[in-house]
Amino acid sequence: MALNPLSSAEILAWQRRHRLDIEPFEHAALDRLDALYLSHQSVKE
């Protein structure tokens, strides 16, 4: 199985499940953290 970035649909589903609205800067932070995680995982392999 390959790692893939979080999709907008997954983030929206998480928000609905937890009844939260995240701010635009939080979306940007999630995107940056996700990219960092994926780049770190690709170095380990």
C-alpha atoms as a PDB file:
ATOM      1  CA  MET A   1       0.000   0.000   0.000  1.00  0.00           C
ATOM      2  CA  ALA A   2       1.279   3.432  -0.912  1.00  0.00           C
ATOM      3  CA  LEU A   3       0.968   6.462   1.304  1.00  0.00           C
ATOM      4  CA  ASN A   4      -1.166   9.240  -0.133  1.00  0.00           C
ATOM      5  CA  PRO A   5      -1.799  12.794   1.026  1.00  0.00           C
ATOM      6  CA  LEU A   6      -4.966  13.511   2.967  1.00  0.00           C
ATOM      7  CA  SER A   7      -7.779  14.440   0.639  1.00  0.00           C
ATOM      8  CA  SER A   8     -10.110  17.365   1.175  1.00  0.00           C
ATOM      9  CA  ALA A   9     -12.976  14.869   1.447  1.00  0.00           C
ATOM     10  CA  GLU A  10     -11.217  13.069   4.306  1.00  0.00           C
ATOM     11  CA  ILE A  11     -10.618  16.326   6.151  1.00  0.00           C
ATOM     12  CA  LEU A  12     -14.236  17.407   5.652  1.00  0.00           C
ATOM     13  CA  ALA A  13     -15.481  14.028   6.888  1.00  0.00           C
ATOM     14  CA  TRP A  14     -13.323  14.362  10.004  1.00  0.00           C
ATOM     15  CA  GLN A  15     -14.724  17.853  10.626  1.00  0.00           C
ATOM     16  CA  ARG A  16     -18.308  16.610  10.284  1.00  0.00           C
ATOM     17  CA  ARG A  17     -17.683  13.630  12.557  1.00  0.00           C
ATOM     18  CA  HIS A  18     -16.235  15.826  15.291  1.00  0.00           C
ATOM     19  CA  ARG A  19     -18.622  18.717  14.645  1.00  0.00           C
ATOM     20  CA  LEU A  20     -15.741  21.148  14.140  1.00  0.00           C
ATOM     21  CA  ASP A  21     -14.995  23.853  11.624  1.00  0.00           C
ATOM     22  CA  ILE A  22     -11.327  24.458  11.094  1.00  0.00           C
ATOM     23  CA  GLU A  23      -9.898  27.771   9.957  1.00  0.00           C
ATOM     24  CA  PRO A  24      -8.085  28.278   6.640  1.00  0.00           C
ATOM     25  CA  PHE A  25      -4.718  28.521   8.401  1.00  0.00           C
ATOM     26  CA  GLU A  26      -5.439  25.142  10.013  1.00  0.00           C
ATOM     27  CA  HIS A  27      -6.102  23.622   6.581  1.00  0.00           C
ATOM     28  CA  ALA A  28      -2.764  25.024   5.419  1.00  0.00           C
ATOM     29  CA  ALA A  29      -1.018  23.634   8.509  1.00  0.00           C
ATOM     30  CA  LEU A  30      -2.548  20.195   7.905  1.00  0.00           C
ATOM     31  CA  ASP A  31      -1.345  20.265   4.294  1.00  0.00           C
ATOM     32  CA  ARG A  32       2.190  21.203   5.393  1.00  0.00           C
ATOM     33  CA  LEU A  33       2.270  18.558   8.139  1.00  0.00           C
ATOM     34  CA  ASP A  34       0.927  15.922   5.763  1.00  0.00           C
ATOM     35  CA  ALA A  35       3.586  16.761   3.158  1.00  0.00           C
ATOM     36  CA  LEU A  36       6.293  16.642   5.816  1.00  0.00           C
ATOM     37  CA  TYR A  37       5.066  13.260   7.073  1.00  0.00           C
ATOM     38  CA  LEU A  38       4.961  11.816   3.560  1.00  0.00           C
ATOM     39  CA  SER A  39       8.456  13.086   2.742  1.00  0.00           C
ATOM     40  CA  HIS A  40       9.776  11.628   5.996  1.00  0.00           C
ATOM     41  CA  GLN A  41       8.178   8.254   5.238  1.00  0.00           C
ATOM     42  CA  SER A  42       9.689   8.146   1.759  1.00  0.00           C
ATOM     43  CA  VAL A  43      13.181   8.689   3.235  1.00  0.00           C
ATOM     44  CA  LYS A  44      12.743   5.707   5.608  1.00  0.00           C
ATOM     45  CA  GLU A  45      12.078   3.249   2.769  1.00  0.00           C
END
